[in-house]
Amino acid sequence: MRIASTVWWIAICLALAGCGTINTVFRPDAVASQNLKDSRSHCENVPRIYSGVIYGFCTLNGEPRPEKSLKDQSVLDSAGNAFPVIAIEAVASGVLDTLVLPYTIYRQSKDGSIEIYR
């Protein structure tokens, strides 16, 4: 039982390390833009309000890389399903986006959306 809880904590930490809110709110716009460009996302911009959640969906909407497959990913559960990690990341981004909402509303009105340059 202790090992299972340790695995979940590691999964949560990994999800937070790649959390969309961290990438869009606390890092420069160029980082988020480059990350989405690298993930071959079809998004052209990301609004700053709830940007972490939208960033996650844009990442999921990217084209698959030919050199990587789901079997190569270490975040898959025993059934080969990445849903728990994706769900944890979406919930974490939603919570963090809500906490920084006053700041992101201000930034959206001041700077506009984060543009994804091709």
N, C-alpha and C. Protein backbone atom coordinates (compact mmCIF):
# COMPACT_ATOMS: atom_id res chain seq x y z
N MET A 1 0.83 -1.19 0.00
CA MET A 1 0.00 0.00 0.00
C MET A 1 0.87 1.25 0.00
N ARG A 2 1.96 1.21 0.70
CA ARG A 2 2.86 2.36 0.78
C ARG A 2 3.47 2.66 -0.58
N ILE A 3 3.76 1.63 -1.36
CA ILE A 3 4.34 1.84 -2.68
C ILE A 3 3.33 2.51 -3.61
N ALA A 4 2.07 2.10 -3.53
CA ALA A 4 1.04 2.71 -4.38
C ALA A 4 0.89 4.20 -4.08
N SER A 5 0.92 4.57 -2.81
CA SER A 5 0.79 5.99 -2.48
C SER A 5 2.02 6.77 -2.95
N THR A 6 3.18 6.14 -2.87
CA THR A 6 4.40 6.79 -3.36
C THR A 6 4.32 7.02 -4.86
N VAL A 7 3.82 6.05 -5.59
CA VAL A 7 3.67 6.18 -7.04
C VAL A 7 2.71 7.32 -7.37
N TRP A 8 1.61 7.43 -6.62
CA TRP A 8 0.66 8.52 -6.86
C TRP A 8 1.28 9.87 -6.57
N TRP A 9 2.07 9.98 -5.52
CA TRP A 9 2.73 11.25 -5.21
C TRP A 9 3.71 11.62 -6.31
N ILE A 10 4.43 10.64 -6.82
CA ILE A 10 5.36 10.91 -7.92
C ILE A 10 4.60 11.39 -9.15
N ALA A 11 3.47 10.73 -9.44
CA ALA A 11 2.65 11.13 -10.59
C ALA A 11 2.12 12.55 -10.42
N ILE A 12 1.70 12.89 -9.22
CA ILE A 12 1.20 14.24 -8.95
C ILE A 12 2.32 15.27 -9.14
N CYS A 13 3.50 14.98 -8.62
CA CYS A 13 4.63 15.89 -8.77
C CYS A 13 5.02 16.07 -10.24
N LEU A 14 5.01 14.97 -11.00
CA LEU A 14 5.31 15.07 -12.42
C LEU A 14 4.26 15.90 -13.15
N ALA A 15 3.01 15.72 -12.77
CA ALA A 15 1.94 16.50 -13.40
C ALA A 15 2.10 17.98 -13.09
N LEU A 16 2.44 18.29 -11.85
CA LEU A 16 2.62 19.69 -11.48
C LEU A 16 3.86 20.29 -12.13
N ALA A 17 4.88 19.47 -12.35
CA ALA A 17 6.09 19.97 -13.01
C ALA A 17 5.78 20.36 -14.45
N GLY A 18 4.86 19.68 -15.08
CA GLY A 18 4.46 20.00 -16.43
C GLY A 18 3.16 20.77 -16.49
N CYS A 19 2.75 21.30 -15.38
CA CYS A 19 1.45 21.95 -15.26
C CYS A 19 1.36 23.15 -16.22
N GLY A 20 0.25 23.22 -16.94
CA GLY A 20 0.05 24.29 -17.89
C GLY A 20 0.05 25.67 -17.25
N THR A 21 -0.46 25.78 -16.04
CA THR A 21 -0.49 27.08 -15.36
C THR A 21 0.92 27.58 -15.08
N ILE A 22 1.79 26.68 -14.66
CA ILE A 22 3.19 27.06 -14.41
C ILE A 22 3.81 27.57 -15.71
N ASN A 23 3.56 26.86 -16.81
CA ASN A 23 4.14 27.23 -18.10
C ASN A 23 3.57 28.51 -18.69
N THR A 24 2.33 28.84 -18.40
CA THR A 24 1.72 30.01 -19.03
C THR A 24 1.69 31.26 -18.15
N VAL A 25 1.66 31.08 -16.84
CA VAL A 25 1.54 32.24 -15.95
C VAL A 25 2.89 32.65 -15.36
N PHE A 26 3.68 31.67 -14.95
CA PHE A 26 4.90 31.97 -14.21
C PHE A 26 6.17 31.94 -15.05
N ARG A 27 6.05 31.59 -16.31
CA ARG A 27 7.21 31.57 -17.21
C ARG A 27 6.95 32.55 -18.35
N PRO A 28 8.00 32.97 -19.05
CA PRO A 28 7.80 33.91 -20.16
C PRO A 28 6.90 33.32 -21.26
N ASP A 29 6.20 34.21 -21.98
CA ASP A 29 5.31 33.78 -23.04
C ASP A 29 6.04 32.95 -24.10
N ALA A 30 7.29 33.28 -24.35
CA ALA A 30 8.06 32.57 -25.37
C ALA A 30 8.22 31.09 -25.02
N VAL A 31 8.29 30.77 -23.74
CA VAL A 31 8.43 29.37 -23.31
C VAL A 31 7.15 28.59 -23.63
N ALA A 32 6.01 29.14 -23.27
CA ALA A 32 4.74 28.47 -23.57
C ALA A 32 4.55 28.35 -25.08
N SER A 33 4.87 29.40 -25.81
CA SER A 33 4.74 29.38 -27.25
C SER A 33 5.63 28.30 -27.87
N GLN A 34 6.87 28.24 -27.43
CA GLN A 34 7.81 27.24 -27.95
C GLN A 34 7.38 25.82 -27.59
N ASN A 35 6.91 25.63 -26.36
CA ASN A 35 6.45 24.29 -25.95
C ASN A 35 5.28 23.82 -26.81
N LEU A 36 4.33 24.70 -27.07
CA LEU A 36 3.19 24.32 -27.90
C LEU A 36 3.60 24.13 -29.35
N LYS A 37 4.55 24.90 -29.80
CA LYS A 37 5.07 24.71 -31.15
C LYS A 37 5.76 23.35 -31.25
N ASP A 38 6.54 23.01 -30.24
CA ASP A 38 7.25 21.73 -30.23
C ASP A 38 6.29 20.54 -30.15
N SER A 39 5.14 20.75 -29.49
CA SER A 39 4.17 19.65 -29.37
C SER A 39 3.29 19.55 -30.61
N ARG A 40 3.56 20.39 -31.61
CA ARG A 40 2.82 20.40 -32.88
C ARG A 40 1.34 20.67 -32.67
N SER A 41 1.08 21.57 -31.75
CA SER A 41 -0.30 21.94 -31.43
C SER A 41 -0.92 22.71 -32.58
N HIS A 42 -2.22 22.57 -32.72
CA HIS A 42 -2.94 23.31 -33.76
C HIS A 42 -3.49 24.63 -33.21
N CYS A 43 -3.20 24.93 -31.96
CA CYS A 43 -3.66 26.19 -31.36
C CYS A 43 -2.83 27.34 -31.91
N GLU A 44 -3.49 28.46 -32.19
CA GLU A 44 -2.81 29.64 -32.68
C GLU A 44 -2.50 30.62 -31.55
N ASN A 45 -3.30 30.57 -30.49
CA ASN A 45 -3.05 31.40 -29.32
C ASN A 45 -3.72 30.75 -28.11
N VAL A 46 -3.30 31.22 -26.94
CA VAL A 46 -3.86 30.73 -25.68
C VAL A 46 -4.28 31.94 -24.86
N PRO A 47 -5.58 32.08 -24.57
CA PRO A 47 -5.99 33.19 -23.71
C PRO A 47 -5.40 33.02 -22.31
N ARG A 48 -5.09 34.10 -21.67
CA ARG A 48 -4.44 34.02 -20.36
C ARG A 48 -5.39 33.55 -19.25
N ILE A 49 -6.68 33.81 -19.41
CA ILE A 49 -7.65 33.39 -18.40
C ILE A 49 -7.86 31.89 -18.55
N TYR A 50 -7.59 31.15 -17.48
CA TYR A 50 -7.60 29.68 -17.47
C TYR A 50 -6.65 29.13 -18.53
N SER A 51 -5.50 29.79 -18.65
CA SER A 51 -4.51 29.40 -19.66
C SER A 51 -3.91 28.02 -19.41
N GLY A 52 -3.80 27.60 -18.16
CA GLY A 52 -3.23 26.29 -17.87
C GLY A 52 -4.08 25.16 -18.40
N VAL A 53 -5.38 25.28 -18.23
CA VAL A 53 -6.29 24.25 -18.73
C VAL A 53 -6.28 24.24 -20.26
N ILE A 54 -6.32 25.41 -20.87
CA ILE A 54 -6.31 25.51 -22.33
C ILE A 54 -4.99 25.01 -22.88
N TYR A 55 -3.89 25.35 -22.22
CA TYR A 55 -2.57 24.86 -22.62
C TYR A 55 -2.54 23.33 -22.63
N GLY A 56 -3.13 22.73 -21.62
CA GLY A 56 -3.19 21.27 -21.56
C GLY A 56 -3.98 20.69 -22.72
N PHE A 57 -5.12 21.29 -23.03
CA PHE A 57 -5.90 20.81 -24.17
C PHE A 57 -5.16 21.03 -25.49
N CYS A 58 -4.46 22.15 -25.61
CA CYS A 58 -3.68 22.39 -26.83
C CYS A 58 -2.56 21.36 -26.97
N THR A 59 -1.94 21.01 -25.86
CA THR A 59 -0.89 19.98 -25.89
C THR A 59 -1.47 18.64 -26.31
N LEU A 60 -2.63 18.29 -25.77
CA LEU A 60 -3.27 17.03 -26.15
C LEU A 60 -3.71 17.04 -27.61
N ASN A 61 -4.01 18.21 -28.15
CA ASN A 61 -4.48 18.33 -29.52
C ASN A 61 -3.34 18.34 -30.53
N GLY A 62 -2.11 18.24 -30.07
CA GLY A 62 -0.96 18.26 -30.97
C GLY A 62 -0.84 16.97 -31.76
N GLU A 63 -0.12 17.06 -32.86
CA GLU A 63 0.12 15.89 -33.69
C GLU A 63 1.10 14.96 -32.97
N PRO A 64 0.91 13.65 -33.09
CA PRO A 64 1.85 12.74 -32.45
C PRO A 64 3.21 12.80 -33.14
N ARG A 65 4.24 12.62 -32.36
CA ARG A 65 5.58 12.59 -32.91
C ARG A 65 5.86 11.19 -33.44
N PRO A 66 6.40 11.10 -34.62
CA PRO A 66 6.63 9.76 -35.18
C PRO A 66 7.65 8.95 -34.40
N GLU A 67 8.59 9.60 -33.73
CA GLU A 67 9.63 8.87 -33.02
C GLU A 67 9.18 8.41 -31.63
N LYS A 68 8.01 8.85 -31.19
CA LYS A 68 7.52 8.46 -29.86
C LYS A 68 6.18 7.76 -29.99
N SER A 69 5.98 6.81 -29.14
CA SER A 69 4.68 6.15 -29.08
C SER A 69 4.23 6.10 -27.63
N LEU A 70 2.97 5.80 -27.40
CA LEU A 70 2.46 5.74 -26.03
C LEU A 70 3.17 4.66 -25.22
N LYS A 71 3.67 3.63 -25.87
CA LYS A 71 4.35 2.57 -25.12
C LYS A 71 5.67 3.05 -24.54
N ASP A 72 6.21 4.13 -25.11
CA ASP A 72 7.47 4.67 -24.60
C ASP A 72 7.28 5.56 -23.38
N GLN A 73 6.07 5.98 -23.12
CA GLN A 73 5.81 6.91 -22.03
C GLN A 73 5.86 6.20 -20.69
N SER A 74 6.49 6.82 -19.71
CA SER A 74 6.60 6.22 -18.38
C SER A 74 5.43 6.57 -17.48
N VAL A 75 4.52 7.41 -17.93
CA VAL A 75 3.40 7.83 -17.09
C VAL A 75 2.17 6.96 -17.26
N LEU A 76 2.27 5.92 -18.07
CA LEU A 76 1.12 5.06 -18.30
C LEU A 76 0.91 4.14 -17.11
N ASP A 77 -0.35 3.85 -16.79
CA ASP A 77 -0.64 2.90 -15.73
C ASP A 77 -0.51 1.47 -16.26
N SER A 78 -0.79 0.49 -15.43
CA SER A 78 -0.58 -0.90 -15.82
C SER A 78 -1.46 -1.32 -17.00
N ALA A 79 -2.55 -0.64 -17.25
CA ALA A 79 -3.42 -0.96 -18.38
C ALA A 79 -3.03 -0.19 -19.64
N GLY A 80 -1.95 0.61 -19.58
CA GLY A 80 -1.53 1.39 -20.73
C GLY A 80 -2.36 2.64 -20.92
N ASN A 81 -2.92 3.17 -19.85
CA ASN A 81 -3.82 4.31 -19.93
C ASN A 81 -3.18 5.50 -19.22
N ALA A 82 -3.12 6.64 -19.89
CA ALA A 82 -2.55 7.85 -19.29
C ALA A 82 -3.62 8.74 -18.68
N PHE A 83 -4.87 8.31 -18.69
CA PHE A 83 -5.97 9.16 -18.21
C PHE A 83 -5.77 9.69 -16.80
N PRO A 84 -5.34 8.88 -15.81
CA PRO A 84 -5.19 9.44 -14.45
C PRO A 84 -4.23 10.62 -14.40
N VAL A 85 -3.13 10.55 -15.12
CA VAL A 85 -2.15 11.64 -15.10
C VAL A 85 -2.72 12.87 -15.79
N ILE A 86 -3.41 12.67 -16.90
CA ILE A 86 -4.01 13.80 -17.61
C ILE A 86 -5.09 14.45 -16.74
N ALA A 87 -5.88 13.64 -16.06
CA ALA A 87 -6.93 14.16 -15.18
C ALA A 87 -6.33 14.94 -14.02
N ILE A 88 -5.27 14.42 -13.42
CA ILE A 88 -4.61 15.12 -12.31
C ILE A 88 -4.07 16.46 -12.78
N GLU A 89 -3.45 16.47 -13.96
CA GLU A 89 -2.89 17.71 -14.49
C GLU A 89 -3.99 18.72 -14.79
N ALA A 90 -5.11 18.26 -15.34
CA ALA A 90 -6.22 19.17 -15.65
C ALA A 90 -6.82 19.76 -14.38
N VAL A 91 -6.99 18.95 -13.36
CA VAL A 91 -7.55 19.43 -12.09
C VAL A 91 -6.56 20.40 -11.43
N ALA A 92 -5.28 20.05 -11.41
CA ALA A 92 -4.27 20.93 -10.80
C ALA A 92 -4.23 22.27 -11.53
N SER A 93 -4.26 22.23 -12.87
CA SER A 93 -4.26 23.48 -13.63
C SER A 93 -5.52 24.30 -13.36
N GLY A 94 -6.66 23.63 -13.27
CA GLY A 94 -7.90 24.34 -12.98
C GLY A 94 -7.88 25.03 -11.64
N VAL A 95 -7.35 24.35 -10.63
CA VAL A 95 -7.27 24.94 -9.29
C VAL A 95 -6.30 26.11 -9.29
N LEU A 96 -5.11 25.92 -9.87
CA LEU A 96 -4.13 27.01 -9.90
C LEU A 96 -4.63 28.18 -10.75
N ASP A 97 -5.29 27.88 -11.88
CA ASP A 97 -5.84 28.96 -12.71
C ASP A 97 -6.87 29.78 -11.95
N THR A 98 -7.67 29.12 -11.13
CA THR A 98 -8.66 29.84 -10.32
C THR A 98 -7.98 30.73 -9.29
N LEU A 99 -6.90 30.24 -8.68
CA LEU A 99 -6.19 31.03 -7.67
C LEU A 99 -5.53 32.28 -8.26
N VAL A 100 -5.06 32.19 -9.50
CA VAL A 100 -4.38 33.34 -10.12
C VAL A 100 -5.31 34.12 -11.06
N LEU A 101 -6.60 33.88 -10.97
CA LEU A 101 -7.57 34.51 -11.87
C LEU A 101 -7.50 36.04 -11.88
N PRO A 102 -7.41 36.72 -10.74
CA PRO A 102 -7.32 38.19 -10.82
C PRO A 102 -6.11 38.67 -11.63
N TYR A 103 -4.98 38.00 -11.44
CA TYR A 103 -3.77 38.37 -12.18
C TYR A 103 -3.92 38.09 -13.67
N THR A 104 -4.50 36.93 -14.03
CA THR A 104 -4.62 36.59 -15.45
C THR A 104 -5.66 37.46 -16.16
N ILE A 105 -6.70 37.89 -15.44
CA ILE A 105 -7.66 38.83 -16.04
C ILE A 105 -6.95 40.15 -16.36
N TYR A 106 -6.14 40.62 -15.43
CA TYR A 106 -5.37 41.84 -15.65
C TYR A 106 -4.43 41.68 -16.84
N ARG A 107 -3.69 40.58 -16.88
CA ARG A 107 -2.73 40.34 -17.98
C ARG A 107 -3.44 40.18 -19.32
N GLN A 108 -4.61 39.56 -19.33
CA GLN A 108 -5.36 39.41 -20.58
C GLN A 108 -5.78 40.78 -21.11
N SER A 109 -6.24 41.65 -20.21
CA SER A 109 -6.67 42.98 -20.66
C SER A 109 -5.48 43.84 -21.07
N LYS A 110 -4.33 43.63 -20.44
CA LYS A 110 -3.15 44.43 -20.74
C LYS A 110 -2.38 43.91 -21.95
N ASP A 111 -2.12 42.60 -22.01
CA ASP A 111 -1.25 42.02 -23.01
C ASP A 111 -1.93 41.19 -24.08
N GLY A 112 -3.18 40.78 -23.84
CA GLY A 112 -3.86 39.91 -24.79
C GLY A 112 -3.44 38.46 -24.62
N SER A 113 -3.80 37.64 -25.57
CA SER A 113 -3.51 36.21 -25.50
C SER A 113 -2.05 35.91 -25.78
N ILE A 114 -1.61 34.73 -25.41
CA ILE A 114 -0.27 34.26 -25.71
C ILE A 114 -0.30 33.71 -27.13
N GLU A 115 0.48 34.32 -28.01
CA GLU A 115 0.50 33.90 -29.42
C GLU A 115 1.47 32.74 -29.61
N ILE A 116 1.07 31.80 -30.44
CA ILE A 116 1.91 30.65 -30.76
C ILE A 116 2.50 30.91 -32.15
N TYR A 117 3.78 31.21 -32.20
CA TYR A 117 4.43 31.54 -33.46
C TYR A 117 4.91 30.28 -34.14
N ARG A 118 4.66 30.16 -35.40
CA ARG A 118 5.04 28.96 -36.17
C ARG A 118 6.38 29.12 -36.78
